[in-house]
Every structure is written in C-alpha cells, then in structure tokens.
Amino acid sequence: MLPVDHGLPVLADVDVVVVGGGAAGVAAAVVCAEQGLDVVLVEQYGFAGGAAVAGMSGTICGMYLAGDHEVPQQVVHGFTERFRVALHDRGGLTAPQRYGRTWASAHDPLVWREAADDLLERAGVRVIFHASVVAAILDSDRHVGVAIESKAGRTAVHARRTIDASGDAAVLARAGGRYRYGDDGRIQNPTMFFRLGGVDTDAFWAEFGGDTISPPAVSQAIVAAREAGADLPRDKIWIFATTRPGELMVNATRLTAADGRMLNVVDPEDFTIAEIRGRRQVRAYADFLRESVAGCADAFVVDTGVEAGIRQTRSIEAVEMLTNDDVVACRKRPDGIVRSPWPIELHDGAAPKLHWLIDDWYDVPYLSLVPEAGENLIVAGRCLGAEHEALASARVTAQCFEYGNAAALATVRSLRNDLPYRAIRGEDVRADLVASGSSI
C-alpha cells in the first residue's frame, strides 16, 4: 500500500476508479458514468471481458431457472439483459442451449469486446487498457486511489471511491485486507477452454445429443482413452455450439500440478503451470474428439483462451458472507441485490459436482460486496465474500454483471449522501436496482 503523499505523478483525479474490465467491472463503470460520475476503468489486457473473454469461459450462465422446462425461464435481467441484447443484436450470442437441468447462451469473444467498448465509450468512461494495479493508496483506513503500472511507468489514479472488480480482490489484498482461499486453501481448479473448427455439427449433435454436458457414452470413451495413456483427467466434459458454422466451444480440461496439487493462479508459477499443461490437454482432448466422436474427424483447434479460465482465487472477508446454507436453502432476503438460480458447480475432481436449485434461486446479500474493514472500497465479481461451495454457484457471468450494477448504485448513494458503504441499506440498493430494470 502507499500513503496519500506517495509522490507519484497523478494520471487522473476522479469520483470512481474501477479495477478490472470483466463483466462486473464493465457494468460498474458504465452504470456509475451514466449516473453522472467521473469514472476511470483500469484493465490489464487490451480489451474488456475478463474471464469471459481472456479465459474464454464463453457462456452467459445464471440467467435461467433450472428445472424441466420446455423453454428457458429467464429470472435475471438488469445489466445482464442489457448486455445480452447488445451481444444478440451484433450476432454474437447463440440461442439458449441446454446445460443439464438449465440453460446457457454462448457468446463470441470478439463481439463481447466490441459490445463492451461501445457501452463504455457511450457512457463516457475513461478506459485505461494495458495497465495493472500495483498498490492501493490509503489515507489511514480510507481508500483514496490506486497506483498503476504500464509500459509508460508508474502513476496514480486518485478516486473518492474504488470498485475492486479484479476478480482476485487485488486492491483489497494490496491494502492488507483479509481474504480467504476457498475451503481452507482448497480452491476450484482452472481450465483451458478451446474452440474446435472443421466440425460436421449435424453429425456431432446427432451423436452427442441435445445437452451440452457429455452423454455417458462419451464419458466412458474418455475413461477408456485415459486408461490407454491419454492425458484426459476429466470424464464429464461440456461442449457448446458457437455463433460460427462448423465450430464448437469445448470445456474439458482439468488443470493441476504434475503431482495432482491444486493450482492457485494468484501465484505466477502456478499460473504458468496451468497455461502450459492447459495447452497440452487441449491437444489431447482435441485428438480424442477427432478419433472418437462423430463429426470431428477433420476438426482442428481454432484457438484457446488468452489465459487459463479462472474459477476461484481470493474471496474477501465481507461484512456478511454468502454461506453454503444460503445457497442450498434458496434463501430470499430483503437486502438481496441479485438472485442466482445457478447450481453449485464445483470443479474439484474427475467430474464436476453439480447441486441443482430446481425452480428456485437464492438472493446474494448486499454486504457480501463490502469488506469487513476499510473505507471507500467495494468489490464486484467472483471475489465477493462467499463460502467455498456458495462461490461455486455465485461466481458466474450473469451474477457478476449484477454485482457490478449493485456496486455502482451503492457507490452513487455513498457519494451523494456521504455514507460509508457499510452504512448503506441493502434494501435501498435493491430498490435502486429494481427501478433500473433488475429482477430481484
């Protein structure tokens, strides 16, 4: 952390700095700016999208109820719906696809970037790509900005409020705030998504079936290939149609160290292992699909994510934690700022573990976005305060859009009423969300 008299050149002095340009960060920056605040968004890559684009997670999950429905039942709207429409209108989103007991829509990662660029520009957000936060700037326990590093050197962004949408609680961690890693340090494994081109998709779907989760025959074939020596650690894989003809998006890899140790990608050495082993597993799964699944005989790998797909790193110690019981019991609450119908989707082992929330959802409390200590900082995205299994449900894209939406509206209230985040009533943020089009 740095003191307020840090001595760095000041790049900007604004109402709000948003750190991270993923789903939560884009929503937070756009909504703050549209409410008349001066906003700077800092993003390490040359594009917005976070895990959805750099990690090619590839789908908007968490919009629809789980259950035996003939058609998808959408229960999350707000900024999520706004972005869904932006993708759809650009031809960058598929129709909802069956995923077990629920639905998800696959997006084109380039169109995702373009839709975000347009929303940010029209809202008047000052976007700084190719820059990373290296320190939080503090005045006692008050966040007053961040120090960022780029090829041009190190500078400061001063801000009255900070929204940490980094996904890794990067600002909170650099300020010395408390956080946890999953279940006593055990976190969900990363994965390397990839796109497969040259597929006879009619033949493929005729064999694979109408669900994006692999049928038993394919999972059994994976086990047989693994027993014959192939590097295919995950039995149950997920494959989605994309917006491009002859192409599939594949979620199949399970990345661990060579000795089976879980990888924590906050550690750059672990992240490096994930990248290298991920690319190798992509080739192994692509070979398996060519050799064993209809329609894939002439298929080829188009590309992988820019980085391994990250499901979990730091979760903040929040004023109120989202608990595992909250999720399983589908708890509703007056201070909830987003509903989530997504299952507990725990990636830890040869097959992901799924606990479905049938025809129901739970509410995420506002104070799970607010750190237990420190002023003028709120988080948005997968680093919210949540227990391990709860996060395995709460971390997905639709909910991240709405966390950003909620953090932005809380920030507007905080600035206009000179209130600390923890003094704001979740019920009031909820009312603001409903007024802006969210379904709570």
Protein backbone atom coordinates (compact mmCIF):
# COMPACT_ATOMS: atom_id res chain seq x y z
CA MET A 1 0.00 0.00 0.00
CA LEU A 2 1.05 3.62 -0.50
CA PRO A 3 0.34 6.70 1.63
CA VAL A 4 -1.62 9.66 0.31
CA ASP A 5 1.66 11.61 -0.14
CA HIS A 6 3.07 8.91 -2.42
CA GLY A 7 4.99 11.25 -4.76
CA LEU A 8 3.81 9.56 -7.97
CA PRO A 9 2.57 11.59 -10.94
CA VAL A 10 -1.24 11.71 -10.87
CA LEU A 11 -2.83 10.45 -14.07
CA ALA A 12 -6.42 11.20 -13.04
CA ASP A 13 -8.44 12.51 -10.09
CA VAL A 14 -11.99 11.17 -10.36
CA ASP A 15 -15.07 10.12 -8.45
CA VAL A 16 -14.60 6.40 -9.07
CA VAL A 17 -11.84 4.07 -10.17
CA VAL A 18 -12.96 0.62 -11.30
CA VAL A 19 -10.24 -2.02 -11.30
CA GLY A 20 -10.87 -4.81 -13.79
CA GLY A 21 -12.83 -4.84 -17.03
CA GLY A 22 -14.69 -8.13 -16.80
CA ALA A 23 -18.46 -8.46 -16.56
CA ALA A 24 -18.61 -6.85 -13.11
CA GLY A 25 -16.18 -4.05 -13.98
CA VAL A 26 -17.89 -3.11 -17.24
CA ALA A 27 -21.28 -2.98 -15.52
CA ALA A 28 -19.92 -0.96 -12.60
CA ALA A 29 -18.11 1.57 -14.79
CA VAL A 30 -20.98 2.07 -17.24
CA VAL A 31 -23.65 2.49 -14.55
CA CYS A 32 -21.52 4.89 -12.48
CA ALA A 33 -20.76 7.02 -15.53
CA GLU A 34 -24.38 7.07 -16.65
CA GLN A 35 -25.26 8.37 -13.18
CA GLY A 36 -23.02 11.38 -13.80
CA LEU A 37 -19.86 10.27 -12.02
CA ASP A 38 -16.33 10.71 -13.40
CA VAL A 39 -15.02 7.16 -13.89
CA VAL A 40 -11.70 5.58 -14.80
CA LEU A 41 -11.59 1.86 -15.64
CA VAL A 42 -8.20 0.13 -15.37
CA GLU A 43 -7.72 -3.20 -17.18
CA GLN A 44 -4.56 -5.30 -17.55
CA TYR A 45 -5.37 -6.52 -21.08
CA GLY A 46 -6.05 -4.54 -24.25
CA PHE A 47 -9.73 -5.40 -24.11
CA ALA A 48 -12.61 -5.82 -21.70
CA GLY A 49 -14.06 -9.21 -20.88
CA GLY A 50 -12.06 -10.78 -18.06
CA ALA A 51 -12.70 -14.49 -17.64
CA ALA A 52 -15.49 -14.36 -20.23
CA VAL A 53 -13.06 -13.29 -22.96
CA ALA A 54 -9.44 -13.75 -21.85
CA GLY A 55 -10.38 -17.06 -20.23
CA MET A 56 -12.92 -17.84 -22.99
CA SER A 57 -15.45 -19.08 -20.47
CA GLY A 58 -17.71 -18.46 -23.40
CA THR A 59 -21.23 -18.55 -21.98
CA ILE A 60 -23.58 -16.28 -20.08
CA CYS A 61 -24.56 -18.57 -17.21
CA GLY A 62 -27.01 -17.83 -14.42
CA MET A 63 -29.91 -16.21 -16.29
CA TYR A 64 -32.35 -19.12 -16.28
CA LEU A 65 -34.20 -21.32 -13.81
CA ALA A 66 -33.21 -24.96 -13.53
CA GLY A 67 -35.98 -27.49 -14.00
CA ASP A 68 -37.90 -29.49 -16.52
CA HIS A 69 -38.90 -26.58 -18.74
CA GLU A 70 -39.60 -26.87 -22.44
CA VAL A 71 -38.30 -23.31 -22.94
CA PRO A 72 -35.83 -21.28 -20.85
CA GLN A 73 -37.30 -19.30 -17.95
CA GLN A 74 -35.23 -16.13 -17.53
CA VAL A 75 -35.19 -14.74 -13.97
CA VAL A 76 -32.17 -12.39 -14.07
CA HIS A 77 -32.37 -9.15 -16.06
CA GLY A 78 -30.89 -5.71 -15.32
CA PHE A 79 -27.45 -5.02 -16.79
CA THR A 80 -27.22 -8.71 -17.65
CA GLU A 81 -30.15 -8.39 -20.01
CA ARG A 82 -28.78 -5.16 -21.42
CA PHE A 83 -25.50 -6.83 -22.32
CA ARG A 84 -27.27 -9.94 -23.61
CA VAL A 85 -29.25 -7.77 -26.02
CA ALA A 86 -26.07 -5.95 -27.11
CA LEU A 87 -24.45 -9.28 -27.96
CA HIS A 88 -27.55 -10.64 -29.66
CA ASP A 89 -28.04 -7.55 -31.82
CA ARG A 90 -24.45 -7.88 -33.08
CA GLY A 91 -24.89 -11.56 -33.93
CA GLY A 92 -22.57 -12.51 -31.10
CA LEU A 93 -24.80 -14.75 -28.99
CA THR A 94 -26.38 -18.15 -29.54
CA ALA A 95 -29.87 -19.10 -28.52
CA PRO A 96 -30.00 -20.69 -25.04
CA GLN A 97 -28.53 -24.19 -25.03
CA ARG A 98 -29.50 -27.00 -22.69
CA TYR A 99 -26.98 -27.49 -19.88
CA GLY A 100 -28.18 -30.32 -17.69
CA ARG A 101 -31.27 -29.01 -15.88
CA THR A 102 -30.81 -25.39 -17.02
CA TRP A 103 -29.69 -23.27 -19.98
CA ALA A 104 -26.78 -21.07 -21.07
CA SER A 105 -26.01 -18.98 -24.16
CA ALA A 106 -22.60 -18.98 -25.83
CA HIS A 107 -21.07 -15.70 -26.97
CA ASP A 108 -18.45 -14.66 -29.49
CA PRO A 109 -15.48 -13.31 -27.50
CA LEU A 110 -14.62 -10.67 -30.13
CA VAL A 111 -18.18 -9.38 -30.18
CA TRP A 112 -18.12 -9.31 -26.35
CA ARG A 113 -15.13 -6.94 -26.51
CA GLU A 114 -16.82 -4.75 -29.10
CA ALA A 115 -20.08 -4.55 -27.15
CA ALA A 116 -18.16 -3.54 -24.02
CA ASP A 117 -16.12 -0.93 -25.93
CA ASP A 118 -19.32 0.65 -27.22
CA LEU A 119 -21.07 0.75 -23.83
CA LEU A 120 -18.03 2.19 -22.07
CA GLU A 121 -17.41 4.81 -24.73
CA ARG A 122 -21.02 5.95 -24.92
CA ALA A 123 -21.21 6.23 -21.12
CA GLY A 124 -18.11 8.43 -21.06
CA VAL A 125 -15.85 6.09 -19.08
CA ARG A 126 -12.14 6.83 -19.35
CA VAL A 127 -10.66 3.42 -20.13
CA ILE A 128 -7.01 2.62 -19.47
CA PHE A 129 -6.00 -0.71 -21.01
CA HIS A 130 -2.59 -2.35 -20.62
CA ALA A 131 -2.19 -1.22 -17.01
CA SER A 132 -2.16 -3.19 -13.76
CA VAL A 133 -2.78 -2.08 -10.20
CA VAL A 134 0.35 -2.42 -8.08
CA ALA A 135 -0.75 -0.70 -4.88
CA ALA A 136 -3.71 0.74 -3.06
CA ILE A 137 -3.35 4.36 -1.96
CA LEU A 138 -4.62 4.88 1.59
CA ASP A 139 -5.25 7.82 3.90
CA SER A 140 -5.38 5.98 7.22
CA ASP A 141 -8.05 3.31 6.51
CA ARG A 142 -9.63 5.26 3.65
CA HIS A 143 -9.01 4.18 0.06
CA VAL A 144 -8.20 7.26 -1.99
CA GLY A 145 -6.95 5.66 -5.20
CA VAL A 146 -4.61 3.14 -6.77
CA ALA A 147 -1.12 3.07 -8.23
CA ILE A 148 -0.95 1.54 -11.69
CA GLU A 149 1.96 0.25 -13.76
CA SER A 150 2.22 0.28 -17.55
CA LYS A 151 4.96 0.44 -20.15
CA ALA A 152 4.95 4.20 -19.56
CA GLY A 153 5.88 3.70 -15.91
CA ARG A 154 4.06 4.04 -12.61
CA THR A 155 1.35 6.62 -11.98
CA ALA A 156 -1.53 7.21 -9.58
CA VAL A 157 -5.27 7.42 -10.07
CA HIS A 158 -6.91 9.33 -7.23
CA ALA A 159 -10.55 8.49 -6.59
CA ARG A 160 -13.20 9.16 -3.97
CA ARG A 161 -14.38 5.56 -4.25
CA THR A 162 -12.77 2.35 -5.52
CA ILE A 163 -14.63 -0.62 -7.02
CA ASP A 164 -12.44 -3.74 -6.98
CA ALA A 165 -13.74 -5.80 -9.89
CA SER A 166 -10.39 -7.52 -10.44
CA GLY A 167 -11.81 -10.99 -9.72
CA ASP A 168 -8.86 -11.59 -7.40
CA ALA A 169 -9.57 -8.86 -4.79
CA ALA A 170 -6.33 -7.27 -5.99
CA VAL A 171 -6.96 -3.85 -4.42
CA LEU A 172 -8.13 -5.23 -1.09
CA ALA A 173 -5.15 -7.60 -0.90
CA ARG A 174 -2.69 -4.81 -1.66
CA ALA A 175 -4.25 -2.74 1.11
CA GLY A 176 -3.74 -5.54 3.63
CA GLY A 177 -7.41 -6.55 3.83
CA ARG A 178 -8.43 -10.04 4.91
CA TYR A 179 -9.46 -12.70 2.43
CA ARG A 180 -9.68 -16.46 2.13
CA TYR A 181 -8.89 -19.11 -0.46
CA GLY A 182 -11.82 -21.49 -0.84
CA ASP A 183 -12.12 -24.33 1.65
CA ASP A 184 -9.08 -23.88 3.91
CA GLY A 185 -6.94 -23.15 0.85
CA ARG A 186 -8.52 -25.70 -1.48
CA ILE A 187 -9.95 -23.89 -4.49
CA GLN A 188 -11.64 -24.92 -7.72
CA ASN A 189 -9.25 -25.89 -10.47
CA PRO A 190 -8.70 -23.68 -13.52
CA THR A 191 -9.40 -24.90 -17.03
CA MET A 192 -8.29 -24.11 -20.59
CA PHE A 193 -11.24 -23.56 -22.92
CA PHE A 194 -10.81 -24.04 -26.64
CA ARG A 195 -12.72 -23.73 -29.89
CA LEU A 196 -12.79 -26.58 -32.36
CA GLY A 197 -13.33 -25.82 -36.05
CA GLY A 198 -13.96 -28.01 -39.10
CA VAL A 199 -16.74 -29.95 -37.37
CA ASP A 200 -19.67 -31.59 -39.09
CA THR A 201 -22.00 -30.20 -36.45
CA ASP A 202 -25.08 -32.08 -37.70
CA ALA A 203 -23.31 -35.40 -37.23
CA PHE A 204 -21.79 -34.27 -33.95
CA TRP A 205 -25.06 -33.22 -32.28
CA ALA A 206 -26.84 -36.29 -33.60
CA GLU A 207 -24.42 -38.43 -31.58
CA PHE A 208 -23.69 -36.09 -28.64
CA GLY A 209 -27.37 -35.36 -28.04
CA GLY A 210 -29.32 -32.25 -27.11
CA ASP A 211 -27.43 -31.50 -23.89
CA THR A 212 -24.10 -29.66 -23.77
CA ILE A 213 -22.97 -31.99 -20.95
CA SER A 214 -21.36 -35.12 -22.37
CA PRO A 215 -23.56 -38.23 -22.57
CA PRO A 216 -22.48 -41.41 -20.75
CA ALA A 217 -21.04 -42.99 -23.90
CA VAL A 218 -18.63 -40.12 -24.45
CA SER A 219 -17.60 -40.03 -20.78
CA GLN A 220 -16.98 -43.78 -20.88
CA ALA A 221 -14.86 -43.37 -24.01
CA ILE A 222 -12.79 -40.71 -22.22
CA VAL A 223 -12.14 -43.12 -19.34
CA ALA A 224 -11.06 -45.83 -21.77
CA ALA A 225 -8.72 -43.45 -23.60
CA ARG A 226 -7.24 -42.29 -20.30
CA GLU A 227 -6.64 -45.86 -19.22
CA ALA A 228 -4.79 -46.32 -22.53
CA GLY A 229 -2.48 -43.41 -21.62
CA ALA A 230 -4.19 -40.25 -22.91
CA ASP A 231 -3.98 -37.07 -20.80
CA LEU A 232 -7.73 -36.74 -20.23
CA PRO A 233 -8.20 -36.17 -16.49
CA ARG A 234 -11.83 -35.05 -16.65
CA ASP A 235 -14.54 -37.60 -17.55
CA LYS A 236 -17.55 -35.33 -17.96
CA ILE A 237 -16.96 -32.54 -20.47
CA TRP A 238 -19.14 -29.73 -21.79
CA ILE A 239 -19.40 -28.74 -25.43
CA PHE A 240 -21.39 -25.77 -26.79
CA ALA A 241 -22.43 -24.61 -30.22
CA THR A 242 -20.96 -21.21 -31.13
CA THR A 243 -22.18 -18.44 -33.41
CA ARG A 244 -19.87 -19.71 -36.17
CA PRO A 245 -20.74 -22.57 -38.55
CA GLY A 246 -18.74 -25.76 -38.14
CA GLU A 247 -17.42 -24.77 -34.73
CA LEU A 248 -17.72 -25.95 -31.12
CA MET A 249 -16.57 -24.46 -27.84
CA VAL A 250 -15.13 -27.09 -25.50
CA ASN A 251 -14.84 -27.00 -21.71
CA ALA A 252 -12.96 -30.20 -20.94
CA THR A 253 -9.60 -29.69 -19.27
CA ARG A 254 -8.81 -30.04 -15.59
CA LEU A 255 -5.57 -28.32 -14.64
CA THR A 256 -3.46 -29.39 -11.69
CA ALA A 257 0.26 -29.68 -11.00
CA ALA A 258 2.03 -32.84 -12.15
CA ASP A 259 1.61 -34.35 -8.68
CA GLY A 260 -2.12 -33.58 -8.61
CA ARG A 261 -1.77 -30.50 -6.41
CA MET A 262 -4.45 -27.83 -6.88
CA LEU A 263 -3.19 -24.70 -8.63
CA ASN A 264 -3.72 -21.23 -7.22
CA VAL A 265 -3.23 -18.88 -10.16
CA VAL A 266 -2.54 -15.87 -7.94
CA ASP A 267 0.91 -17.48 -7.78
CA PRO A 268 2.55 -16.79 -11.18
CA GLU A 269 4.38 -20.12 -11.12
CA ASP A 270 1.08 -21.96 -10.64
CA PHE A 271 -0.47 -19.82 -13.37
CA THR A 272 2.39 -20.77 -15.69
CA ILE A 273 1.86 -24.46 -14.96
CA ALA A 274 -1.83 -24.04 -15.75
CA GLU A 275 -1.09 -22.36 -19.09
CA ILE A 276 1.44 -24.96 -20.27
CA ARG A 277 -0.48 -28.02 -19.06
CA GLY A 278 -3.68 -26.47 -20.38
CA ARG A 279 -2.41 -26.20 -23.93
CA ARG A 280 -1.20 -29.79 -23.81
CA GLN A 281 -4.54 -31.05 -22.51
CA VAL A 282 -6.35 -29.09 -25.23
CA ARG A 283 -4.43 -31.10 -27.84
CA ALA A 284 -5.20 -34.34 -26.02
CA TYR A 285 -8.94 -33.65 -25.86
CA ALA A 286 -8.97 -32.47 -29.47
CA ASP A 287 -7.25 -35.72 -30.51
CA PHE A 288 -9.83 -37.69 -28.53
CA LEU A 289 -12.74 -35.88 -30.20
CA ARG A 290 -11.25 -36.46 -33.68
CA GLU A 291 -10.72 -40.14 -33.02
CA SER A 292 -13.84 -40.98 -31.02
CA VAL A 293 -16.77 -38.61 -31.65
CA ALA A 294 -18.90 -38.31 -34.78
CA GLY A 295 -18.44 -35.20 -36.89
CA CYS A 296 -14.97 -34.40 -35.55
CA ALA A 297 -12.75 -36.46 -37.90
CA ASP A 298 -11.48 -33.36 -39.71
CA ALA A 299 -11.66 -30.97 -36.75
CA PHE A 300 -8.84 -28.66 -35.68
CA VAL A 301 -8.16 -26.37 -32.74
CA VAL A 302 -9.01 -22.78 -33.69
CA ASP A 303 -7.65 -21.22 -30.50
CA THR A 304 -7.64 -21.34 -26.72
CA GLY A 305 -8.34 -18.68 -24.18
CA VAL A 306 -5.71 -15.96 -23.86
CA GLU A 307 -5.20 -17.37 -20.38
CA ALA A 308 -6.43 -20.35 -18.41
CA GLY A 309 -10.01 -19.94 -17.26
CA ILE A 310 -10.05 -18.92 -13.58
CA ARG A 311 -12.92 -20.00 -11.36
CA GLN A 312 -11.69 -19.00 -7.93
CA THR A 313 -8.88 -17.22 -6.15
CA ARG A 314 -9.37 -14.78 -3.27
CA SER A 315 -12.75 -14.22 -1.60
CA ILE A 316 -12.95 -11.19 0.67
CA GLU A 317 -13.86 -11.36 4.33
CA ALA A 318 -17.03 -9.34 3.99
CA VAL A 319 -19.35 -7.67 6.47
CA GLU A 320 -21.72 -10.54 5.67
CA MET A 321 -20.69 -13.76 3.94
CA LEU A 322 -22.85 -15.66 1.48
CA THR A 323 -22.98 -19.12 3.06
CA ASN A 324 -23.29 -22.61 1.63
CA ASP A 325 -26.58 -22.96 3.52
CA ASP A 326 -27.91 -19.76 1.92
CA VAL A 327 -27.48 -21.37 -1.49
CA VAL A 328 -28.78 -24.85 -0.69
CA ALA A 329 -31.83 -23.43 1.14
CA CYS A 330 -32.52 -20.90 -1.66
CA ARG A 331 -32.70 -18.16 0.95
CA LYS A 332 -34.56 -14.98 0.00
CA ARG A 333 -33.79 -11.71 1.74
CA PRO A 334 -34.91 -8.06 1.61
CA ASP A 335 -31.32 -6.83 1.25
CA GLY A 336 -30.54 -9.14 -1.69
CA ILE A 337 -29.01 -7.41 -4.70
CA VAL A 338 -29.06 -10.27 -7.21
CA ARG A 339 -30.82 -13.60 -7.47
CA SER A 340 -28.93 -16.69 -8.60
CA PRO A 341 -30.59 -19.84 -9.95
CA TRP A 342 -27.24 -21.35 -10.99
CA PRO A 343 -26.30 -24.72 -9.44
CA ILE A 344 -23.39 -25.27 -7.11
CA GLU A 345 -20.93 -26.19 -9.85
CA LEU A 346 -17.84 -27.39 -8.02
CA HIS A 347 -14.82 -28.22 -10.18
CA ASP A 348 -12.74 -30.47 -7.97
CA GLY A 349 -12.09 -33.99 -9.20
CA ALA A 350 -12.50 -36.09 -12.35
CA ALA A 351 -16.09 -34.90 -12.84
CA PRO A 352 -17.60 -31.55 -11.79
CA LYS A 353 -20.07 -31.82 -8.92
CA LEU A 354 -23.48 -30.26 -9.53
CA HIS A 355 -26.16 -29.43 -6.96
CA TRP A 356 -29.22 -28.12 -8.77
CA LEU A 357 -31.59 -25.44 -7.47
CA ILE A 358 -34.79 -26.66 -9.09
CA ASP A 359 -37.34 -23.94 -9.97
CA ASP A 360 -35.81 -21.62 -7.41
CA TRP A 361 -32.99 -19.22 -6.61
CA TYR A 362 -31.29 -17.53 -3.65
CA ASP A 363 -30.52 -13.86 -3.04
CA VAL A 364 -26.96 -12.57 -2.61
CA PRO A 365 -26.77 -10.03 0.26
CA TYR A 366 -25.51 -6.53 -0.45
CA LEU A 367 -22.99 -6.63 2.38
CA SER A 368 -21.17 -9.59 0.79
CA LEU A 369 -19.70 -6.94 -1.54
CA VAL A 370 -18.43 -4.79 1.35
CA PRO A 371 -15.11 -5.63 3.05
CA GLU A 372 -15.21 -6.07 6.82
CA ALA A 373 -12.72 -3.20 7.28
CA GLY A 374 -11.51 -0.18 5.35
CA GLU A 375 -13.48 2.70 3.87
CA ASN A 376 -14.42 3.74 0.32
CA LEU A 377 -13.85 0.28 -1.17
CA ILE A 378 -16.45 -2.15 -2.51
CA VAL A 379 -15.90 -5.31 -4.57
CA ALA A 380 -17.82 -6.72 -7.52
CA GLY A 381 -17.42 -10.10 -9.19
CA ARG A 382 -16.22 -13.50 -8.12
CA CYS A 383 -14.13 -12.12 -5.21
CA LEU A 384 -17.25 -11.31 -3.15
CA GLY A 385 -17.46 -12.68 0.36
CA ALA A 386 -18.71 -16.25 -0.03
CA GLU A 387 -18.04 -19.68 1.38
CA HIS A 388 -16.45 -22.25 -0.89
CA GLU A 389 -19.48 -24.10 -2.26
CA ALA A 390 -21.58 -20.92 -2.32
CA LEU A 391 -18.99 -19.30 -4.56
CA ALA A 392 -19.18 -22.29 -6.92
CA SER A 393 -22.70 -21.05 -7.69
CA ALA A 394 -22.37 -17.29 -7.22
CA ARG A 395 -19.32 -16.68 -9.42
CA VAL A 396 -20.93 -16.93 -12.88
CA THR A 397 -21.38 -14.27 -15.56
CA ALA A 398 -24.97 -13.10 -15.15
CA GLN A 399 -24.49 -12.59 -11.44
CA CYS A 400 -21.17 -10.79 -11.98
CA PHE A 401 -22.91 -8.27 -14.24
CA GLU A 402 -25.41 -7.63 -11.46
CA TYR A 403 -22.72 -7.36 -8.74
CA GLY A 404 -21.18 -4.58 -10.81
CA ASN A 405 -24.59 -2.98 -11.23
CA ALA A 406 -25.21 -3.11 -7.48
CA ALA A 407 -21.74 -1.84 -6.58
CA ALA A 408 -22.25 1.11 -8.92
CA LEU A 409 -25.62 2.08 -7.46
CA ALA A 410 -24.22 1.71 -3.93
CA THR A 411 -21.35 3.97 -4.98
CA VAL A 412 -23.78 6.62 -6.22
CA ARG A 413 -25.57 6.50 -2.86
CA SER A 414 -22.26 6.58 -0.98
CA LEU A 415 -21.04 9.69 -2.79
CA ARG A 416 -24.31 11.63 -2.91
CA ASN A 417 -25.10 11.02 0.75
CA ASP A 418 -21.54 10.94 2.11
CA LEU A 419 -22.09 7.46 3.51
CA PRO A 420 -19.64 4.61 4.02
CA TYR A 421 -20.58 1.53 2.06
CA ARG A 422 -21.35 -0.49 5.17
CA ALA A 423 -23.85 2.16 6.34
CA ILE A 424 -25.92 1.82 3.15
CA ARG A 425 -29.01 -0.35 3.47
CA GLY A 426 -29.12 -3.30 1.12
CA GLU A 427 -32.85 -2.71 0.82
CA ASP A 428 -32.16 0.72 -0.69
CA VAL A 429 -29.65 -0.65 -3.21
CA ARG A 430 -32.19 -3.33 -4.09
CA ALA A 431 -34.84 -0.66 -4.71
CA ASP A 432 -32.43 1.23 -6.97
CA LEU A 433 -31.75 -1.96 -8.90
CA VAL A 434 -35.45 -2.70 -9.36
CA ALA A 435 -36.05 0.87 -10.54
CA SER A 436 -33.31 0.44 -13.16
CA GLY A 437 -34.76 -2.81 -14.54
CA SER A 438 -33.25 -5.60 -12.45
CA SER A 439 -35.40 -8.53 -11.37
CA ILE A 440 -34.92 -9.11 -7.66
